[in-house]
Structures are given as structure tokens and as C-alpha cells.
Amino acid sequence: MSIVLQSKRNQEFVKTLAGSWTPRGEQAHQFPTGFNALMFCFHHHLHNMQILARFNDPAMNFTIPIADVDDPGR
């Protein structure tokens, strides 16, 4: 399984921890845990994101939306 971060707005993936993006999932940065991915979003103030867990069998893949903490509508 690999854990990556994806923008829900444009479907791009976090490519590097320095902040570059890619439309190609195979080039996405792989986080060691979902918690690491979540904390990356919080520390970099990323909004409208989701964690994507990818498996060898794509039918097993799933996403977890990340709530925008500073969203005044929450």
C-alpha cells in the first residue's frame, strides 16, 4: 500500500515535500503513514485535500477527505 496526498480541486498529487505537484499518481510522494500525510497538510495550510491509499489491486483503493481546519463554515 502507498499513501499519497491529492488535491480534490484539480486532482494533482503532492510530488515533493518542497511543494511541487504532479498530475501523475506514480510520481506522487509516498508518505509513511496517513498521519504523516495529514500533518503535512496542516503544516503547509493545504486546503481541499484528500489522502489516497493505493493498493496493488486498484479496486481496494480508497480516499479520506481532510477537513479544512480554518474553514469558517465548519
PDB file of N, CA and C in Angstrom:
ATOM      1  N   MET A   1       0.842  -1.174   0.000  1.00  0.00           N
ATOM      2  CA  MET A   1       0.000   0.000   0.000  1.00  0.00           C
ATOM      3  C   MET A   1       0.888   1.237   0.000  1.00  0.00           C
ATOM      4  N   SER A   2       0.447   2.270  -0.713  1.00  0.00           N
ATOM      5  CA  SER A   2       1.123   3.557  -0.659  1.00  0.00           C
ATOM      6  C   SER A   2       0.100   4.622  -0.269  1.00  0.00           C
ATOM      7  N   ILE A   3       0.590   5.634   0.415  1.00  0.00           N
ATOM      8  CA  ILE A   3      -0.254   6.726   0.891  1.00  0.00           C
ATOM      9  C   ILE A   3       0.246   8.008   0.252  1.00  0.00           C
ATOM     10  N   VAL A   4      -0.644   8.684  -0.483  1.00  0.00           N
ATOM     11  CA  VAL A   4      -0.297   9.918  -1.174  1.00  0.00           C
ATOM     12  C   VAL A   4      -1.353  10.972  -0.869  1.00  0.00           C
ATOM     13  N   LEU A   5      -1.027  12.225  -1.179  1.00  0.00           N
ATOM     14  CA  LEU A   5      -1.956  13.332  -0.995  1.00  0.00           C
ATOM     15  C   LEU A   5      -2.398  13.860  -2.350  1.00  0.00           C
ATOM     16  N   GLN A   6      -3.689  14.132  -2.462  1.00  0.00           N
ATOM     17  CA  GLN A   6      -4.246  14.611  -3.725  1.00  0.00           C
ATOM     18  C   GLN A   6      -5.156  15.808  -3.464  1.00  0.00           C
ATOM     19  N   SER A   7      -5.057  16.783  -4.338  1.00  0.00           N
ATOM     20  CA  SER A   7      -5.955  17.931  -4.294  1.00  0.00           C
ATOM     21  C   SER A   7      -7.306  17.508  -4.854  1.00  0.00           C
ATOM     22  N   LYS A   8      -8.385  17.772  -4.117  1.00  0.00           N
ATOM     23  CA  LYS A   8      -9.715  17.460  -4.632  1.00  0.00           C
ATOM     24  C   LYS A   8     -10.112  18.448  -5.721  1.00  0.00           C
ATOM     25  N   ARG A   9      -9.506  19.626  -5.721  1.00  0.00           N
ATOM     26  CA  ARG A   9      -9.855  20.671  -6.685  1.00  0.00           C
ATOM     27  C   ARG A   9      -9.363  20.331  -8.095  1.00  0.00           C
ATOM     28  N   ASN A  10      -8.085  19.973  -8.229  1.00  0.00           N
ATOM     29  CA  ASN A  10      -7.531  19.740  -9.569  1.00  0.00           C
ATOM     30  C   ASN A  10      -6.993  18.323  -9.774  1.00  0.00           C
ATOM     31  N   GLN A  11      -7.152  17.465  -8.763  1.00  0.00           N
ATOM     32  CA  GLN A  11      -6.737  16.058  -8.831  1.00  0.00           C
ATOM     33  C   GLN A  11      -5.233  15.856  -8.920  1.00  0.00           C
ATOM     34  N   GLU A  12      -4.433  16.905  -8.684  1.00  0.00           N
ATOM     35  CA  GLU A  12      -2.975  16.749  -8.699  1.00  0.00           C
ATOM     36  C   GLU A  12      -2.489  16.201  -7.363  1.00  0.00           C
ATOM     37  N   PHE A  13      -1.292  15.627  -7.397  1.00  0.00           N
ATOM     38  CA  PHE A  13      -0.688  14.989  -6.234  1.00  0.00           C
ATOM     39  C   PHE A  13       0.502  15.792  -5.738  1.00  0.00           C
ATOM     40  N   VAL A  14       0.749  15.723  -4.432  1.00  0.00           N
ATOM     41  CA  VAL A  14       1.977  16.292  -3.878  1.00  0.00           C
ATOM     42  C   VAL A  14       3.123  15.437  -4.401  1.00  0.00           C
ATOM     43  N   LYS A  15       4.072  16.089  -5.077  1.00  0.00           N
ATOM     44  CA  LYS A  15       5.201  15.366  -5.664  1.00  0.00           C
ATOM     45  C   LYS A  15       6.417  15.369  -4.742  1.00  0.00           C
ATOM     46  N   THR A  16       6.686  16.519  -4.124  1.00  0.00           N
ATOM     47  CA  THR A  16       7.839  16.615  -3.225  1.00  0.00           C
ATOM     48  C   THR A  16       7.428  17.344  -1.959  1.00  0.00           C
ATOM     49  N   LEU A  17       8.185  17.133  -0.917  1.00  0.00           N
ATOM     50  CA  LEU A  17       7.915  17.824   0.344  1.00  0.00           C
ATOM     51  C   LEU A  17       8.236  19.307   0.247  1.00  0.00           C
ATOM     52  N   ALA A  18       8.931  19.708  -0.823  1.00  0.00           N
ATOM     53  CA  ALA A  18       9.240  21.122  -1.049  1.00  0.00           C
ATOM     54  C   ALA A  18       8.062  21.867  -1.672  1.00  0.00           C
ATOM     55  N   GLY A  19       7.039  21.128  -2.093  1.00  0.00           N
ATOM     56  CA  GLY A  19       5.837  21.784  -2.582  1.00  0.00           C
ATOM     57  C   GLY A  19       5.548  21.692  -4.056  1.00  0.00           C
ATOM     58  N   SER A  20       6.215  20.804  -4.788  1.00  0.00           N
ATOM     59  CA  SER A  20       5.871  20.665  -6.204  1.00  0.00           C
ATOM     60  C   SER A  20       4.726  19.657  -6.353  1.00  0.00           C
ATOM     61  N   TRP A  21       4.016  19.779  -7.466  1.00  0.00           N
ATOM     62  CA  TRP A  21       2.819  18.986  -7.728  1.00  0.00           C
ATOM     63  C   TRP A  21       2.971  18.248  -9.047  1.00  0.00           C
ATOM     64  N   THR A  22       2.190  17.171  -9.201  1.00  0.00           N
ATOM     65  CA  THR A  22       2.189  16.404 -10.436  1.00  0.00           C
ATOM     66  C   THR A  22       0.792  15.852 -10.697  1.00  0.00           C
ATOM     67  N   PRO A  23       0.392  15.777 -11.962  1.00  0.00           N
ATOM     68  CA  PRO A  23      -0.882  15.130 -12.286  1.00  0.00           C
ATOM     69  C   PRO A  23      -0.757  13.602 -12.309  1.00  0.00           C
ATOM     70  N   ARG A  24       0.468  13.101 -12.218  1.00  0.00           N
ATOM     71  CA  ARG A  24       0.729  11.656 -12.332  1.00  0.00           C
ATOM     72  C   ARG A  24       0.886  11.014 -10.958  1.00  0.00           C
ATOM     73  N   GLY A  25      -0.042  10.144 -10.630  1.00  0.00           N
ATOM     74  CA  GLY A  25      -0.039   9.486  -9.327  1.00  0.00           C
ATOM     75  C   GLY A  25       1.215   8.691  -9.039  1.00  0.00           C
ATOM     76  N   GLU A  26       1.815   8.113 -10.085  1.00  0.00           N
ATOM     77  CA  GLU A  26       3.026   7.304  -9.870  1.00  0.00           C
ATOM     78  C   GLU A  26       4.223   8.160  -9.489  1.00  0.00           C
ATOM     79  N   GLN A  27       4.134   9.480  -9.690  1.00  0.00           N
ATOM     80  CA  GLN A  27       5.213  10.388  -9.300  1.00  0.00           C
ATOM     81  C   GLN A  27       4.973  11.035  -7.941  1.00  0.00           C
ATOM     82  N   ALA A  28       3.854  10.718  -7.319  1.00  0.00           N
ATOM     83  CA  ALA A  28       3.489  11.340  -6.041  1.00  0.00           C
ATOM     84  C   ALA A  28       4.427  10.895  -4.919  1.00  0.00           C
ATOM     85  N   HIS A  29       4.646  11.821  -3.985  1.00  0.00           N
ATOM     86  CA  HIS A  29       5.429  11.487  -2.791  1.00  0.00           C
ATOM     87  C   HIS A  29       4.635  10.473  -1.964  1.00  0.00           C
ATOM     88  N   GLN A  30       5.305   9.428  -1.501  1.00  0.00           N
ATOM     89  CA  GLN A  30       4.651   8.418  -0.676  1.00  0.00           C
ATOM     90  C   GLN A  30       4.957   8.702   0.791  1.00  0.00           C
ATOM     91  N   PHE A  31       3.910   8.919   1.552  1.00  0.00           N
ATOM     92  CA  PHE A  31       4.044   9.188   2.982  1.00  0.00           C
ATOM     93  C   PHE A  31       4.090   7.869   3.738  1.00  0.00           C
ATOM     94  N   PRO A  32       4.859   7.828   4.837  1.00  0.00           N
ATOM     95  CA  PRO A  32       4.961   6.570   5.586  1.00  0.00           C
ATOM     96  C   PRO A  32       3.647   6.167   6.256  1.00  0.00           C
ATOM     97  N   THR A  33       2.842   7.164   6.674  1.00  0.00           N
ATOM     98  CA  THR A  33       1.561   6.878   7.332  1.00  0.00           C
ATOM     99  C   THR A  33       0.539   7.937   6.932  1.00  0.00           C
ATOM    100  N   GLY A  34      -0.724   7.633   7.143  1.00  0.00           N
ATOM    101  CA  GLY A  34      -1.776   8.612   6.918  1.00  0.00           C
ATOM    102  C   GLY A  34      -1.627   9.807   7.845  1.00  0.00           C
ATOM    103  N   PHE A  35      -1.154   9.565   9.050  1.00  0.00           N
ATOM    104  CA  PHE A  35      -0.948  10.666   9.999  1.00  0.00           C
ATOM    105  C   PHE A  35       0.100  11.636   9.463  1.00  0.00           C
ATOM    106  N   ASN A  36       1.190  11.120   8.894  1.00  0.00           N
ATOM    107  CA  ASN A  36       2.210  11.988   8.304  1.00  0.00           C
ATOM    108  C   ASN A  36       1.619  12.837   7.181  1.00  0.00           C
ATOM    109  N   ALA A  37       0.785  12.246   6.358  1.00  0.00           N
ATOM    110  CA  ALA A  37       0.143  12.981   5.267  1.00  0.00           C
ATOM    111  C   ALA A  37      -0.779  14.069   5.819  1.00  0.00           C
ATOM    112  N   LEU A  38      -1.543  13.729   6.835  1.00  0.00           N
ATOM    113  CA  LEU A  38      -2.445  14.694   7.473  1.00  0.00           C
ATOM    114  C   LEU A  38      -1.664  15.862   8.064  1.00  0.00           C
ATOM    115  N   MET A  39      -0.604  15.576   8.776  1.00  0.00           N
ATOM    116  CA  MET A  39       0.195  16.635   9.385  1.00  0.00           C
ATOM    117  C   MET A  39       0.870  17.506   8.326  1.00  0.00           C
ATOM    118  N   PHE A  40       1.263  16.926   7.209  1.00  0.00           N
ATOM    119  CA  PHE A  40       1.836  17.707   6.111  1.00  0.00           C
ATOM    120  C   PHE A  40       0.812  18.744   5.633  1.00  0.00           C
ATOM    121  N   CYS A  41      -0.426  18.333   5.484  1.00  0.00           N
ATOM    122  CA  CYS A  41      -1.480  19.269   5.061  1.00  0.00           C
ATOM    123  C   CYS A  41      -1.643  20.398   6.069  1.00  0.00           C
ATOM    124  N   PHE A  42      -1.681  20.064   7.348  1.00  0.00           N
ATOM    125  CA  PHE A  42      -1.875  21.076   8.384  1.00  0.00           C
ATOM    126  C   PHE A  42      -0.698  22.044   8.444  1.00  0.00           C
ATOM    127  N   HIS A  43       0.503  21.515   8.388  1.00  0.00           N
ATOM    128  CA  HIS A  43       1.697  22.357   8.494  1.00  0.00           C
ATOM    129  C   HIS A  43       1.885  23.271   7.281  1.00  0.00           C
ATOM    130  N   HIS A  44       1.366  22.842   6.121  1.00  0.00           N
ATOM    131  CA  HIS A  44       1.518  23.626   4.898  1.00  0.00           C
ATOM    132  C   HIS A  44       0.226  24.348   4.504  1.00  0.00           C
ATOM    133  N   HIS A  45      -0.762  24.312   5.393  1.00  0.00           N
ATOM    134  CA  HIS A  45      -2.035  25.012   5.184  1.00  0.00           C
ATOM    135  C   HIS A  45      -2.672  24.646   3.842  1.00  0.00           C
ATOM    136  N   LEU A  46      -2.645  23.351   3.518  1.00  0.00           N
ATOM    137  CA  LEU A  46      -3.246  22.880   2.276  1.00  0.00           C
ATOM    138  C   LEU A  46      -4.741  22.660   2.499  1.00  0.00           C
ATOM    139  N   HIS A  47      -5.535  23.116   1.561  1.00  0.00           N
ATOM    140  CA  HIS A  47      -6.989  23.009   1.658  1.00  0.00           C
ATOM    141  C   HIS A  47      -7.526  22.136   0.533  1.00  0.00           C
ATOM    142  N   ASN A  48      -8.718  21.596   0.776  1.00  0.00           N
ATOM    143  CA  ASN A  48      -9.415  20.799  -0.231  1.00  0.00           C
ATOM    144  C   ASN A  48      -8.569  19.606  -0.681  1.00  0.00           C
ATOM    145  N   MET A  49      -8.058  18.866   0.301  1.00  0.00           N
ATOM    146  CA  MET A  49      -7.161  17.741   0.040  1.00  0.00           C
ATOM    147  C   MET A  49      -7.815  16.428   0.456  1.00  0.00           C
ATOM    148  N   GLN A  50      -7.231  15.342  -0.036  1.00  0.00           N
ATOM    149  CA  GLN A  50      -7.636  14.017   0.397  1.00  0.00           C
ATOM    150  C   GLN A  50      -6.418  13.106   0.448  1.00  0.00           C
ATOM    151  N   ILE A  51      -6.480  12.159   1.371  1.00  0.00           N
ATOM    152  CA  ILE A  51      -5.467  11.114   1.444  1.00  0.00           C
ATOM    153  C   ILE A  51      -5.949   9.981   0.555  1.00  0.00           C
ATOM    154  N   LEU A  52      -5.069   9.503  -0.294  1.00  0.00           N
ATOM    155  CA  LEU A  52      -5.392   8.382  -1.169  1.00  0.00           C
ATOM    156  C   LEU A  52      -4.520   7.201  -0.775  1.00  0.00           C
ATOM    157  N   ALA A  53      -5.166   6.108  -0.395  1.00  0.00           N
ATOM    158  CA  ALA A  53      -4.457   4.865  -0.096  1.00  0.00           C
ATOM    159  C   ALA A  53      -4.564   3.990  -1.342  1.00  0.00           C
ATOM    160  N   ARG A  54      -3.407   3.638  -1.908  1.00  0.00           N
ATOM    161  CA  ARG A  54      -3.378   2.866  -3.150  1.00  0.00           C
ATOM    162  C   ARG A  54      -2.806   1.474  -2.882  1.00  0.00           C
ATOM    163  N   PHE A  55      -3.453   0.476  -3.447  1.00  0.00           N
ATOM    164  CA  PHE A  55      -3.058  -0.919  -3.295  1.00  0.00           C
ATOM    165  C   PHE A  55      -2.683  -1.500  -4.653  1.00  0.00           C
ATOM    166  N   ASN A  56      -2.082  -2.685  -4.651  1.00  0.00           N
ATOM    167  CA  ASN A  56      -1.760  -3.373  -5.904  1.00  0.00           C
ATOM    168  C   ASN A  56      -3.022  -3.616  -6.718  1.00  0.00           C
ATOM    169  N   ASP A  57      -4.120  -3.920  -6.042  1.00  0.00           N
ATOM    170  CA  ASP A  57      -5.413  -4.094  -6.696  1.00  0.00           C
ATOM    171  C   ASP A  57      -6.164  -2.771  -6.602  1.00  0.00           C
ATOM    172  N   PRO A  58      -6.297  -2.021  -7.686  1.00  0.00           N
ATOM    173  CA  PRO A  58      -6.943  -0.703  -7.638  1.00  0.00           C
ATOM    174  C   PRO A  58      -8.365  -0.729  -7.069  1.00  0.00           C
ATOM    175  N   ALA A  59      -9.014  -1.875  -7.099  1.00  0.00           N
ATOM    176  CA  ALA A  59     -10.364  -1.976  -6.534  1.00  0.00           C
ATOM    177  C   ALA A  59     -10.346  -1.766  -5.019  1.00  0.00           C
ATOM    178  N   MET A  60      -9.190  -1.908  -4.418  1.00  0.00           N
ATOM    179  CA  MET A  60      -9.055  -1.744  -2.968  1.00  0.00           C
ATOM    180  C   MET A  60      -8.742  -0.297  -2.568  1.00  0.00           C
ATOM    181  N   ASN A  61      -8.397   0.555  -3.524  1.00  0.00           N
ATOM    182  CA  ASN A  61      -8.034   1.945  -3.229  1.00  0.00           C
ATOM    183  C   ASN A  61      -9.181   2.669  -2.535  1.00  0.00           C
ATOM    184  N   PHE A  62      -8.812   3.601  -1.650  1.00  0.00           N
ATOM    185  CA  PHE A  62      -9.835   4.436  -1.022  1.00  0.00           C
ATOM    186  C   PHE A  62      -9.251   5.805  -0.700  1.00  0.00           C
ATOM    187  N   THR A  63     -10.143   6.774  -0.519  1.00  0.00           N
ATOM    188  CA  THR A  63      -9.732   8.130  -0.175  1.00  0.00           C
ATOM    189  C   THR A  63     -10.342   8.527   1.160  1.00  0.00           C
ATOM    190  N   ILE A  64      -9.644   9.431   1.837  1.00  0.00           N
ATOM    191  CA  ILE A  64     -10.127  10.009   3.088  1.00  0.00           C
ATOM    192  C   ILE A  64     -10.046  11.527   2.926  1.00  0.00           C
ATOM    193  N   PRO A  65     -11.194  12.218   2.910  1.00  0.00           N
ATOM    194  CA  PRO A  65     -11.134  13.672   2.796  1.00  0.00           C
ATOM    195  C   PRO A  65     -10.547  14.290   4.063  1.00  0.00           C
ATOM    196  N   ILE A  66      -9.830  15.394   3.883  1.00  0.00           N
ATOM    197  CA  ILE A  66      -9.242  16.105   5.012  1.00  0.00           C
ATOM    198  C   ILE A  66     -10.023  17.400   5.200  1.00  0.00           C
ATOM    199  N   ALA A  67     -10.586  17.559   6.383  1.00  0.00           N
ATOM    200  CA  ALA A  67     -11.364  18.767   6.682  1.00  0.00           C
ATOM    201  C   ALA A  67     -10.432  19.967   6.764  1.00  0.00           C
ATOM    202  N   ASP A  68     -10.881  21.075   6.234  1.00  0.00           N
ATOM    203  CA  ASP A  68     -10.123  22.319   6.302  1.00  0.00           C
ATOM    204  C   ASP A  68     -10.341  22.934   7.688  1.00  0.00           C
ATOM    205  N   VAL A  69      -9.308  22.931   8.513  1.00  0.00           N
ATOM    206  CA  VAL A  69      -9.419  23.328   9.907  1.00  0.00           C
ATOM    207  C   VAL A  69      -9.863  24.773  10.072  1.00  0.00           C
ATOM    208  N   ASP A  70      -9.359  25.675   9.221  1.00  0.00           N
ATOM    209  CA  ASP A  70      -9.710  27.064   9.394  1.00  0.00           C
ATOM    210  C   ASP A  70     -10.895  27.492   8.524  1.00  0.00           C
ATOM    211  N   ASP A  71     -11.711  26.526   8.110  1.00  0.00           N
ATOM    212  CA  ASP A  71     -12.907  26.810   7.312  1.00  0.00           C
ATOM    213  C   ASP A  71     -13.968  27.418   8.242  1.00  0.00           C
ATOM    214  N   PRO A  72     -14.353  28.684   8.050  1.00  0.00           N
ATOM    215  CA  PRO A  72     -15.323  29.314   8.930  1.00  0.00           C
ATOM    216  C   PRO A  72     -16.719  28.700   8.827  1.00  0.00           C
ATOM    217  N   GLY A  73     -16.983  27.935   7.786  1.00  0.00           N
ATOM    218  CA  GLY A  73     -18.288  27.311   7.638  1.00  0.00           C
ATOM    219  C   GLY A  73     -18.461  26.019   8.401  1.00  0.00           C
ATOM    220  N   ARG A  74     -17.408  25.587   9.084  1.00  0.00           N
ATOM    221  CA  ARG A  74     -17.488  24.319   9.827  1.00  0.00           C
ATOM    222  C   ARG A  74     -18.230  24.495  11.113  1.00  0.00           C
TER     223      ARG A  74
END
